[in-house]
PDB file of all heavy atoms in Angstrom:
ATOM      1  N   GLY A   1     -53.895  -2.111   3.418  1.00  0.00           N
ATOM      2  CA  GLY A   1     -55.068  -1.941   4.309  1.00  0.00           C
ATOM      3  C   GLY A   1     -54.826  -2.376   5.672  1.00  0.00           C
ATOM      4  O   GLY A   1     -55.201  -1.662   6.681  1.00  0.00           O
ATOM      5  N   VAL A   2     -54.110  -3.507   5.842  1.00  0.00           N
ATOM      6  CA  VAL A   2     -53.834  -4.006   7.199  1.00  0.00           C
ATOM      7  C   VAL A   2     -52.844  -3.067   7.915  1.00  0.00           C
ATOM      8  O   VAL A   2     -53.100  -2.704   9.113  1.00  0.00           O
ATOM      9  CB  VAL A   2     -53.168  -5.431   7.128  1.00  0.00           C
ATOM     10  CG1 VAL A   2     -52.668  -5.860   8.499  1.00  0.00           C
ATOM     11  CG2 VAL A   2     -54.163  -6.432   6.542  1.00  0.00           C
ATOM     12  N   LEU A   3     -51.850  -2.563   7.226  1.00  0.00           N
ATOM     13  CA  LEU A   3     -50.874  -1.643   7.809  1.00  0.00           C
ATOM     14  C   LEU A   3     -51.613  -0.344   8.230  1.00  0.00           C
ATOM     15  O   LEU A   3     -51.307   0.246   9.273  1.00  0.00           O
ATOM     16  CB  LEU A   3     -49.712  -1.359   6.921  1.00  0.00           C
ATOM     17  CG  LEU A   3     -48.471  -2.241   7.097  1.00  0.00           C
ATOM     18  CD1 LEU A   3     -48.797  -3.730   6.927  1.00  0.00           C
ATOM     19  CD2 LEU A   3     -47.323  -1.849   6.213  1.00  0.00           C
ATOM     20  N   GLY A   4     -52.511   0.121   7.350  1.00  0.00           N
ATOM     21  CA  GLY A   4     -53.250   1.292   7.609  1.00  0.00           C
ATOM     22  C   GLY A   4     -54.088   1.155   8.908  1.00  0.00           C
ATOM     23  O   GLY A   4     -54.162   2.080   9.728  1.00  0.00           O
ATOM     24  N   ARG A   5     -54.736   0.041   9.056  1.00  0.00           N
ATOM     25  CA  ARG A   5     -55.588  -0.205  10.262  1.00  0.00           C
ATOM     26  C   ARG A   5     -54.723  -0.333  11.521  1.00  0.00           C
ATOM     27  O   ARG A   5     -55.245  -0.045  12.637  1.00  0.00           O
ATOM     28  CB  ARG A   5     -56.422  -1.479  10.072  1.00  0.00           C
ATOM     29  CG  ARG A   5     -57.540  -1.331   9.029  1.00  0.00           C
ATOM     30  CD  ARG A   5     -58.488  -2.495   9.108  1.00  0.00           C
ATOM     31  NE  ARG A   5     -57.904  -3.723   8.661  1.00  0.00           N
ATOM     32  CZ  ARG A   5     -57.840  -4.145   7.409  1.00  0.00           C
ATOM     33  NH1 ARG A   5     -58.379  -3.354   6.445  1.00  0.00           N
ATOM     34  NH2 ARG A   5     -57.232  -5.246   7.050  1.00  0.00           N
ATOM     35  N   ARG A   6     -53.421  -0.640  11.332  1.00  0.00           N
ATOM     36  CA  ARG A   6     -52.573  -0.669  12.494  1.00  0.00           C
ATOM     37  C   ARG A   6     -51.932   0.682  12.789  1.00  0.00           C
ATOM     38  O   ARG A   6     -51.156   0.765  13.708  1.00  0.00           O
ATOM     39  CB  ARG A   6     -51.438  -1.737  12.271  1.00  0.00           C
ATOM     40  CG  ARG A   6     -51.938  -3.143  12.169  1.00  0.00           C
ATOM     41  CD  ARG A   6     -50.717  -4.097  12.043  1.00  0.00           C
ATOM     42  NE  ARG A   6     -51.129  -5.456  11.965  1.00  0.00           N
ATOM     43  CZ  ARG A   6     -50.314  -6.531  11.795  1.00  0.00           C
ATOM     44  NH1 ARG A   6     -48.978  -6.280  11.779  1.00  0.00           N
ATOM     45  NH2 ARG A   6     -50.769  -7.745  11.827  1.00  0.00           N
ATOM     46  N   GLY A   7     -52.292   1.682  12.025  1.00  0.00           N
ATOM     47  CA  GLY A   7     -51.841   3.038  12.326  1.00  0.00           C
ATOM     48  C   GLY A   7     -50.682   3.509  11.479  1.00  0.00           C
ATOM     49  O   GLY A   7     -50.126   4.627  11.781  1.00  0.00           O
ATOM     50  N   ALA A   8     -50.328   2.819  10.445  1.00  0.00           N
ATOM     51  CA  ALA A   8     -49.176   3.221   9.604  1.00  0.00           C
ATOM     52  C   ALA A   8     -49.634   4.300   8.662  1.00  0.00           C
ATOM     53  O   ALA A   8     -50.741   4.236   8.056  1.00  0.00           O
ATOM     54  CB  ALA A   8     -48.640   2.037   8.811  1.00  0.00           C
ATOM     55  N   ASP A   9     -48.863   5.399   8.501  1.00  0.00           N
ATOM     56  CA  ASP A   9     -49.170   6.428   7.542  1.00  0.00           C
ATOM     57  C   ASP A   9     -48.948   5.822   6.124  1.00  0.00           C
ATOM     58  O   ASP A   9     -48.062   4.972   5.941  1.00  0.00           O
ATOM     59  CB  ASP A   9     -48.336   7.671   7.724  1.00  0.00           C
ATOM     60  CG  ASP A   9     -46.852   7.473   7.515  1.00  0.00           C
ATOM     61  OD1 ASP A   9     -46.149   6.942   8.397  1.00  0.00           O
ATOM     62  OD2 ASP A   9     -46.400   7.666   6.356  1.00  0.00           O
ATOM     63  N   PHE A  10     -49.666   6.348   5.145  1.00  0.00           N
ATOM     64  CA  PHE A  10     -49.733   5.703   3.857  1.00  0.00           C
ATOM     65  C   PHE A  10     -48.353   5.700   3.126  1.00  0.00           C
ATOM     66  O   PHE A  10     -47.901   4.703   2.591  1.00  0.00           O
ATOM     67  CB  PHE A  10     -50.724   6.381   2.953  1.00  0.00           C
ATOM     68  CG  PHE A  10     -50.928   5.769   1.591  1.00  0.00           C
ATOM     69  CD1 PHE A  10     -51.657   4.592   1.473  1.00  0.00           C
ATOM     70  CD2 PHE A  10     -50.336   6.299   0.476  1.00  0.00           C
ATOM     71  CE1 PHE A  10     -51.793   3.952   0.269  1.00  0.00           C
ATOM     72  CE2 PHE A  10     -50.512   5.667  -0.742  1.00  0.00           C
ATOM     73  CZ  PHE A  10     -51.233   4.499  -0.839  1.00  0.00           C
ATOM     74  N   ALA A  11     -47.599   6.868   3.215  1.00  0.00           N
ATOM     75  CA  ALA A  11     -46.309   6.993   2.473  1.00  0.00           C
ATOM     76  C   ALA A  11     -45.310   5.936   3.042  1.00  0.00           C
ATOM     77  O   ALA A  11     -44.619   5.241   2.289  1.00  0.00           O
ATOM     78  CB  ALA A  11     -45.798   8.386   2.557  1.00  0.00           C
ATOM     79  N   THR A  12     -45.198   5.905   4.386  1.00  0.00           N
ATOM     80  CA  THR A  12     -44.219   4.940   4.984  1.00  0.00           C
ATOM     81  C   THR A  12     -44.692   3.491   4.760  1.00  0.00           C
ATOM     82  O   THR A  12     -43.899   2.624   4.549  1.00  0.00           O
ATOM     83  CB  THR A  12     -44.081   5.260   6.502  1.00  0.00           C
ATOM     84  OG1 THR A  12     -43.841   6.659   6.710  1.00  0.00           O
ATOM     85  CG2 THR A  12     -42.959   4.439   7.087  1.00  0.00           C
ATOM     86  N   ALA A  13     -45.990   3.275   4.815  1.00  0.00           N
ATOM     87  CA  ALA A  13     -46.557   1.918   4.578  1.00  0.00           C
ATOM     88  C   ALA A  13     -46.244   1.456   3.133  1.00  0.00           C
ATOM     89  O   ALA A  13     -45.831   0.296   2.969  1.00  0.00           O
ATOM     90  CB  ALA A  13     -48.032   1.908   4.811  1.00  0.00           C
ATOM     91  N   GLU A  14     -46.334   2.397   2.157  1.00  0.00           N
ATOM     92  CA  GLU A  14     -45.968   2.051   0.808  1.00  0.00           C
ATOM     93  C   GLU A  14     -44.521   1.578   0.696  1.00  0.00           C
ATOM     94  O   GLU A  14     -44.156   0.584   0.053  1.00  0.00           O
ATOM     95  CB  GLU A  14     -46.227   3.198  -0.133  1.00  0.00           C
ATOM     96  CG  GLU A  14     -47.630   3.341  -0.607  1.00  0.00           C
ATOM     97  CD  GLU A  14     -47.723   4.326  -1.751  1.00  0.00           C
ATOM     98  OE1 GLU A  14     -47.066   5.407  -1.684  1.00  0.00           O
ATOM     99  OE2 GLU A  14     -48.422   4.013  -2.739  1.00  0.00           O
ATOM    100  N   ASP A  15     -43.592   2.358   1.352  1.00  0.00           N
ATOM    101  CA  ASP A  15     -42.210   1.986   1.336  1.00  0.00           C
ATOM    102  C   ASP A  15     -41.981   0.649   2.008  1.00  0.00           C
ATOM    103  O   ASP A  15     -41.187  -0.167   1.545  1.00  0.00           O
ATOM    104  CB  ASP A  15     -41.376   3.061   2.036  1.00  0.00           C
ATOM    105  CG  ASP A  15     -41.169   4.314   1.193  1.00  0.00           C
ATOM    106  OD1 ASP A  15     -41.422   4.210  -0.047  1.00  0.00           O
ATOM    107  OD2 ASP A  15     -40.769   5.334   1.743  1.00  0.00           O
ATOM    108  N   ALA A  16     -42.624   0.444   3.100  1.00  0.00           N
ATOM    109  CA  ALA A  16     -42.516  -0.858   3.862  1.00  0.00           C
ATOM    110  C   ALA A  16     -42.941  -2.025   3.012  1.00  0.00           C
ATOM    111  O   ALA A  16     -42.307  -3.089   2.948  1.00  0.00           O
ATOM    112  CB  ALA A  16     -43.285  -0.760   5.193  1.00  0.00           C
ATOM    113  N   VAL A  17     -44.124  -1.873   2.381  1.00  0.00           N
ATOM    114  CA  VAL A  17     -44.600  -2.972   1.514  1.00  0.00           C
ATOM    115  C   VAL A  17     -43.679  -3.151   0.329  1.00  0.00           C
ATOM    116  O   VAL A  17     -43.429  -4.320  -0.063  1.00  0.00           O
ATOM    117  CB  VAL A  17     -46.059  -2.623   1.013  1.00  0.00           C
ATOM    118  CG1 VAL A  17     -46.496  -3.629  -0.044  1.00  0.00           C
ATOM    119  CG2 VAL A  17     -47.053  -2.624   2.205  1.00  0.00           C
ATOM    120  N   GLN A  18     -43.165  -2.154  -0.222  1.00  0.00           N
ATOM    121  CA  GLN A  18     -42.182  -2.241  -1.358  1.00  0.00           C
ATOM    122  C   GLN A  18     -40.982  -3.033  -0.889  1.00  0.00           C
ATOM    123  O   GLN A  18     -40.502  -3.956  -1.622  1.00  0.00           O
ATOM    124  CB  GLN A  18     -41.775  -0.825  -1.780  1.00  0.00           C
ATOM    125  CG  GLN A  18     -40.930  -0.795  -3.050  1.00  0.00           C
ATOM    126  CD  GLN A  18     -40.633   0.580  -3.458  1.00  0.00           C
ATOM    127  OE1 GLN A  18     -39.828   1.277  -2.815  1.00  0.00           O
ATOM    128  NE2 GLN A  18     -41.259   1.055  -4.478  1.00  0.00           N
ATOM    129  N   ASP A  19     -40.518  -2.776   0.315  1.00  0.00           N
ATOM    130  CA  ASP A  19     -39.317  -3.578   0.815  1.00  0.00           C
ATOM    131  C   ASP A  19     -39.692  -5.024   1.013  1.00  0.00           C
ATOM    132  O   ASP A  19     -38.908  -5.924   0.710  1.00  0.00           O
ATOM    133  CB  ASP A  19     -38.884  -2.958   2.141  1.00  0.00           C
ATOM    134  CG  ASP A  19     -38.072  -1.675   1.941  1.00  0.00           C
ATOM    135  OD1 ASP A  19     -37.857  -1.345   0.800  1.00  0.00           O
ATOM    136  OD2 ASP A  19     -37.706  -1.043   2.909  1.00  0.00           O
ATOM    137  N   ALA A  20     -40.971  -5.228   1.477  1.00  0.00           N
ATOM    138  CA  ALA A  20     -41.406  -6.678   1.719  1.00  0.00           C
ATOM    139  C   ALA A  20     -41.502  -7.361   0.361  1.00  0.00           C
ATOM    140  O   ALA A  20     -41.103  -8.554   0.309  1.00  0.00           O
ATOM    141  CB  ALA A  20     -42.780  -6.599   2.410  1.00  0.00           C
ATOM    142  N   LEU A  21     -41.923  -6.686  -0.682  1.00  0.00           N
ATOM    143  CA  LEU A  21     -42.013  -7.286  -1.975  1.00  0.00           C
ATOM    144  C   LEU A  21     -40.625  -7.662  -2.515  1.00  0.00           C
ATOM    145  O   LEU A  21     -40.490  -8.745  -3.131  1.00  0.00           O
ATOM    146  CB  LEU A  21     -42.760  -6.345  -2.958  1.00  0.00           C
ATOM    147  CG  LEU A  21     -44.212  -6.034  -2.716  1.00  0.00           C
ATOM    148  CD1 LEU A  21     -44.770  -5.015  -3.673  1.00  0.00           C
ATOM    149  CD2 LEU A  21     -45.049  -7.347  -2.849  1.00  0.00           C
ATOM    150  N   VAL A  22     -39.692  -6.788  -2.336  1.00  0.00           N
ATOM    151  CA  VAL A  22     -38.269  -7.090  -2.733  1.00  0.00           C
ATOM    152  C   VAL A  22     -37.801  -8.334  -2.026  1.00  0.00           C
ATOM    153  O   VAL A  22     -37.214  -9.202  -2.607  1.00  0.00           O
ATOM    154  CB  VAL A  22     -37.365  -5.915  -2.416  1.00  0.00           C
ATOM    155  CG1 VAL A  22     -35.915  -6.273  -2.638  1.00  0.00           C
ATOM    156  CG2 VAL A  22     -37.743  -4.681  -3.309  1.00  0.00           C
ATOM    157  N   GLU A  23     -38.095  -8.396  -0.701  1.00  0.00           N
ATOM    158  CA  GLU A  23     -37.623  -9.611   0.087  1.00  0.00           C
ATOM    159  C   GLU A  23     -38.414 -10.866  -0.447  1.00  0.00           C
ATOM    160  O   GLU A  23     -37.822 -11.931  -0.520  1.00  0.00           O
ATOM    161  CB  GLU A  23     -37.930  -9.378   1.579  1.00  0.00           C
ATOM    162  CG  GLU A  23     -37.489 -10.474   2.460  1.00  0.00           C
ATOM    163  CD  GLU A  23     -35.991 -10.602   2.490  1.00  0.00           C
ATOM    164  OE1 GLU A  23     -35.248  -9.648   1.948  1.00  0.00           O
ATOM    165  OE2 GLU A  23     -35.456 -11.639   3.007  1.00  0.00           O
ATOM    166  N   ALA A  24     -39.650 -10.732  -0.793  1.00  0.00           N
ATOM    167  CA  ALA A  24     -40.439 -11.842  -1.309  1.00  0.00           C
ATOM    168  C   ALA A  24     -39.824 -12.366  -2.631  1.00  0.00           C
ATOM    169  O   ALA A  24     -39.704 -13.544  -2.787  1.00  0.00           O
ATOM    170  CB  ALA A  24     -41.923 -11.438  -1.477  1.00  0.00           C
ATOM    171  N   ILE A  25     -39.533 -11.413  -3.506  1.00  0.00           N
ATOM    172  CA  ILE A  25     -38.956 -11.819  -4.769  1.00  0.00           C
ATOM    173  C   ILE A  25     -37.607 -12.574  -4.557  1.00  0.00           C
ATOM    174  O   ILE A  25     -37.220 -13.518  -5.355  1.00  0.00           O
ATOM    175  CB  ILE A  25     -38.703 -10.547  -5.665  1.00  0.00           C
ATOM    176  CG1 ILE A  25     -40.065 -10.033  -6.097  1.00  0.00           C
ATOM    177  CG2 ILE A  25     -37.887 -10.883  -6.936  1.00  0.00           C
ATOM    178  CD1 ILE A  25     -40.015  -8.663  -6.727  1.00  0.00           C
ATOM    179  N   ARG A  26     -36.889 -12.172  -3.552  1.00  0.00           N
ATOM    180  CA  ARG A  26     -35.582 -12.788  -3.260  1.00  0.00           C
ATOM    181  C   ARG A  26     -35.734 -14.144  -2.634  1.00  0.00           C
ATOM    182  O   ARG A  26     -34.951 -15.097  -2.940  1.00  0.00           O
ATOM    183  CB  ARG A  26     -34.809 -11.898  -2.327  1.00  0.00           C
ATOM    184  CG  ARG A  26     -33.325 -12.286  -2.160  1.00  0.00           C
ATOM    185  CD  ARG A  26     -32.590 -11.329  -1.216  1.00  0.00           C
ATOM    186  NE  ARG A  26     -33.038 -11.379   0.086  1.00  0.00           N
ATOM    187  CZ  ARG A  26     -32.553 -12.209   1.019  1.00  0.00           C
ATOM    188  NH1 ARG A  26     -31.666 -13.098   0.661  1.00  0.00           N
ATOM    189  NH2 ARG A  26     -33.018 -12.203   2.249  1.00  0.00           N
ATOM    190  N   THR A  27     -36.724 -14.410  -1.742  1.00  0.00           N
ATOM    191  CA  THR A  27     -36.762 -15.564  -0.933  1.00  0.00           C
ATOM    192  C   THR A  27     -37.850 -16.565  -1.310  1.00  0.00           C
ATOM    193  O   THR A  27     -37.668 -17.832  -1.111  1.00  0.00           O
ATOM    194  CB  THR A  27     -36.967 -15.277   0.584  1.00  0.00           C
ATOM    195  OG1 THR A  27     -38.221 -14.578   0.760  1.00  0.00           O
ATOM    196  CG2 THR A  27     -35.845 -14.309   1.054  1.00  0.00           C
ATOM    197  N   TRP A  28     -38.928 -16.120  -1.856  1.00  0.00           N
ATOM    198  CA  TRP A  28     -40.023 -17.101  -2.162  1.00  0.00           C
ATOM    199  C   TRP A  28     -39.676 -18.148  -3.143  1.00  0.00           C
ATOM    200  O   TRP A  28     -40.194 -19.300  -2.954  1.00  0.00           O
ATOM    201  CB  TRP A  28     -41.242 -16.320  -2.631  1.00  0.00           C
ATOM    202  CG  TRP A  28     -42.015 -15.584  -1.525  1.00  0.00           C
ATOM    203  CD1 TRP A  28     -41.535 -15.374  -0.283  1.00  0.00           C
ATOM    204  CD2 TRP A  28     -43.275 -15.044  -1.624  1.00  0.00           C
ATOM    205  NE1 TRP A  28     -42.473 -14.686   0.446  1.00  0.00           N
ATOM    206  CE2 TRP A  28     -43.591 -14.459  -0.370  1.00  0.00           C
ATOM    207  CE3 TRP A  28     -44.266 -14.849  -2.606  1.00  0.00           C
ATOM    208  CZ2 TRP A  28     -44.770 -13.781  -0.079  1.00  0.00           C
ATOM    209  CZ3 TRP A  28     -45.485 -14.255  -2.343  1.00  0.00           C
ATOM    210  CH2 TRP A  28     -45.723 -13.698  -1.079  1.00  0.00           C
ATOM    211  N   PRO A  29     -38.883 -17.869  -4.195  1.00  0.00           N
ATOM    212  CA  PRO A  29     -38.612 -19.038  -5.098  1.00  0.00           C
ATOM    213  C   PRO A  29     -37.939 -20.195  -4.386  1.00  0.00           C
ATOM    214  O   PRO A  29     -38.112 -21.334  -4.782  1.00  0.00           O
ATOM    215  CB  PRO A  29     -37.586 -18.348  -6.119  1.00  0.00           C
ATOM    216  CG  PRO A  29     -38.022 -16.931  -6.121  1.00  0.00           C
ATOM    217  CD  PRO A  29     -38.344 -16.596  -4.694  1.00  0.00           C
ATOM    218  N   VAL A  30     -37.176 -19.899  -3.307  1.00  0.00           N
ATOM    219  CA  VAL A  30     -36.499 -21.000  -2.612  1.00  0.00           C
ATOM    220  C   VAL A  30     -37.346 -21.518  -1.424  1.00  0.00           C
ATOM    221  O   VAL A  30     -37.411 -22.734  -1.160  1.00  0.00           O
ATOM    222  CB  VAL A  30     -35.151 -20.519  -2.076  1.00  0.00           C
ATOM    223  CG1 VAL A  30     -34.462 -21.596  -1.199  1.00  0.00           C
ATOM    224  CG2 VAL A  30     -34.238 -20.042  -3.191  1.00  0.00           C
ATOM    225  N   ASP A  31     -38.049 -20.605  -0.778  1.00  0.00           N
ATOM    226  CA  ASP A  31     -38.823 -20.992   0.442  1.00  0.00           C
ATOM    227  C   ASP A  31     -40.186 -20.297   0.432  1.00  0.00           C
ATOM    228  O   ASP A  31     -40.415 -19.375   1.193  1.00  0.00           O
ATOM    229  CB  ASP A  31     -38.026 -20.565   1.679  1.00  0.00           C
ATOM    230  CG  ASP A  31     -38.710 -20.990   2.979  1.00  0.00           C
ATOM    231  OD1 ASP A  31     -39.529 -21.916   2.925  1.00  0.00           O
ATOM    232  OD2 ASP A  31     -38.401 -20.422   4.061  1.00  0.00           O
ATOM    233  N   PRO A  32     -41.061 -20.827  -0.385  1.00  0.00           N
ATOM    234  CA  PRO A  32     -42.459 -20.116  -0.565  1.00  0.00           C
ATOM    235  C   PRO A  32     -43.239 -20.252   0.769  1.00  0.00           C
ATOM    236  O   PRO A  32     -43.232 -21.324   1.389  1.00  0.00           O
ATOM    237  CB  PRO A  32     -43.112 -20.850  -1.689  1.00  0.00           C
ATOM    238  CG  PRO A  32     -42.421 -22.209  -1.703  1.00  0.00           C
ATOM    239  CD  PRO A  32     -41.024 -21.968  -1.305  1.00  0.00           C
ATOM    240  N   PRO A  33     -43.939 -19.184   1.162  1.00  0.00           N
ATOM    241  CA  PRO A  33     -44.720 -19.259   2.412  1.00  0.00           C
ATOM    242  C   PRO A  33     -46.050 -19.968   2.169  1.00  0.00           C
ATOM    243  O   PRO A  33     -46.587 -19.996   1.073  1.00  0.00           O
ATOM    244  CB  PRO A  33     -44.920 -17.796   2.729  1.00  0.00           C
ATOM    245  CG  PRO A  33     -44.938 -17.103   1.408  1.00  0.00           C
ATOM    246  CD  PRO A  33     -43.999 -17.822   0.567  1.00  0.00           C
ATOM    247  N   ARG A  34     -46.589 -20.493   3.275  1.00  0.00           N
ATOM    248  CA  ARG A  34     -47.929 -21.126   3.165  1.00  0.00           C
ATOM    249  C   ARG A  34     -49.052 -20.058   3.108  1.00  0.00           C
ATOM    250  O   ARG A  34     -50.053 -20.265   2.495  1.00  0.00           O
ATOM    251  CB  ARG A  34     -48.137 -22.082   4.351  1.00  0.00           C
ATOM    252  CG  ARG A  34     -47.404 -23.355   4.317  1.00  0.00           C
ATOM    253  CD  ARG A  34     -47.634 -24.241   5.434  1.00  0.00           C
ATOM    254  NE  ARG A  34     -47.025 -23.667   6.683  1.00  0.00           N
ATOM    255  CZ  ARG A  34     -47.070 -24.259   7.906  1.00  0.00           C
ATOM    256  NH1 ARG A  34     -47.715 -25.370   8.026  1.00  0.00           N
ATOM    257  NH2 ARG A  34     -46.523 -23.653   8.923  1.00  0.00           N
ATOM    258  N   ASP A  35     -48.767 -18.886   3.742  1.00  0.00           N
ATOM    259  CA  ASP A  35     -49.751 -17.803   3.746  1.00  0.00           C
ATOM    260  C   ASP A  35     -49.080 -16.574   3.162  1.00  0.00           C
ATOM    261  O   ASP A  35     -48.515 -15.768   3.934  1.00  0.00           O
ATOM    262  CB  ASP A  35     -50.234 -17.550   5.151  1.00  0.00           C
ATOM    263  CG  ASP A  35     -51.264 -16.410   5.206  1.00  0.00           C
ATOM    264  OD1 ASP A  35     -51.672 -15.863   4.206  1.00  0.00           O
ATOM    265  OD2 ASP A  35     -51.617 -16.044   6.382  1.00  0.00           O
ATOM    266  N   PRO A  36     -49.114 -16.370   1.851  1.00  0.00           N
ATOM    267  CA  PRO A  36     -48.362 -15.206   1.239  1.00  0.00           C
ATOM    268  C   PRO A  36     -48.763 -13.858   1.822  1.00  0.00           C
ATOM    269  O   PRO A  36     -47.906 -13.011   2.119  1.00  0.00           O
ATOM    270  CB  PRO A  36     -48.719 -15.344  -0.251  1.00  0.00           C
ATOM    271  CG  PRO A  36     -49.029 -16.791  -0.430  1.00  0.00           C
ATOM    272  CD  PRO A  36     -49.724 -17.193   0.817  1.00  0.00           C
ATOM    273  N   LYS A  37     -50.083 -13.643   1.955  1.00  0.00           N
ATOM    274  CA  LYS A  37     -50.512 -12.330   2.509  1.00  0.00           C
ATOM    275  C   LYS A  37     -50.002 -12.155   3.921  1.00  0.00           C
ATOM    276  O   LYS A  37     -49.516 -11.067   4.316  1.00  0.00           O
ATOM    277  CB  LYS A  37     -51.994 -12.219   2.460  1.00  0.00           C
ATOM    278  CG  LYS A  37     -52.495 -10.875   2.956  1.00  0.00           C
ATOM    279  CD  LYS A  37     -54.017 -10.677   2.834  1.00  0.00           C
ATOM    280  CE  LYS A  37     -54.500  -9.367   3.428  1.00  0.00           C
ATOM    281  NZ  LYS A  37     -55.940  -9.200   3.412  1.00  0.00           N
ATOM    282  N   GLY A  38     -50.160 -13.176   4.732  1.00  0.00           N
ATOM    283  CA  GLY A  38     -49.705 -13.085   6.110  1.00  0.00           C
ATOM    284  C   GLY A  38     -48.208 -12.842   6.221  1.00  0.00           C
ATOM    285  O   GLY A  38     -47.770 -12.038   7.053  1.00  0.00           O
ATOM    286  N   TRP A  39     -47.455 -13.486   5.318  1.00  0.00           N
ATOM    287  CA  TRP A  39     -46.012 -13.286   5.272  1.00  0.00           C
ATOM    288  C   TRP A  39     -45.687 -11.828   4.972  1.00  0.00           C
ATOM    289  O   TRP A  39     -44.833 -11.217   5.578  1.00  0.00           O
ATOM    290  CB  TRP A  39     -45.390 -14.238   4.230  1.00  0.00           C
ATOM    291  CG  TRP A  39     -43.909 -14.240   4.205  1.00  0.00           C
ATOM    292  CD1 TRP A  39     -43.124 -15.234   4.782  1.00  0.00           C
ATOM    293  CD2 TRP A  39     -43.008 -13.394   3.467  1.00  0.00           C
ATOM    294  NE1 TRP A  39     -41.760 -14.950   4.549  1.00  0.00           N
ATOM    295  CE2 TRP A  39     -41.712 -13.828   3.778  1.00  0.00           C
ATOM    296  CE3 TRP A  39     -43.231 -12.272   2.704  1.00  0.00           C
ATOM    297  CZ2 TRP A  39     -40.568 -13.205   3.164  1.00  0.00           C
ATOM    298  CZ3 TRP A  39     -42.145 -11.626   2.222  1.00  0.00           C
ATOM    299  CH2 TRP A  39     -40.834 -12.038   2.427  1.00  0.00           C
ATOM    300  N   LEU A  40     -46.331 -11.298   3.892  1.00  0.00           N
ATOM    301  CA  LEU A  40     -46.076  -9.896   3.461  1.00  0.00           C
ATOM    302  C   LEU A  40     -46.457  -8.904   4.590  1.00  0.00           C
ATOM    303  O   LEU A  40     -45.776  -7.932   4.847  1.00  0.00           O
ATOM    304  CB  LEU A  40     -46.849  -9.581   2.228  1.00  0.00           C
ATOM    305  CG  LEU A  40     -46.273 -10.180   0.933  1.00  0.00           C
ATOM    306  CD1 LEU A  40     -47.306  -9.902  -0.242  1.00  0.00           C
ATOM    307  CD2 LEU A  40     -44.955  -9.522   0.589  1.00  0.00           C
TER     308      LEU A  40
END
C-alpha cells in the first residue's frame, strides 16, 4: 500500500517487496530492526 501511494505499479511493487522479504529472512535473525514495517 505504501509503495502504491508512492506511485509504484503493482507488478513491480510485488517483485520489490518479494526481494525485501528475502533480504529480511537473511538479515533479521542477526540484526532485527526496531521498526519491521518501516525497514521493509
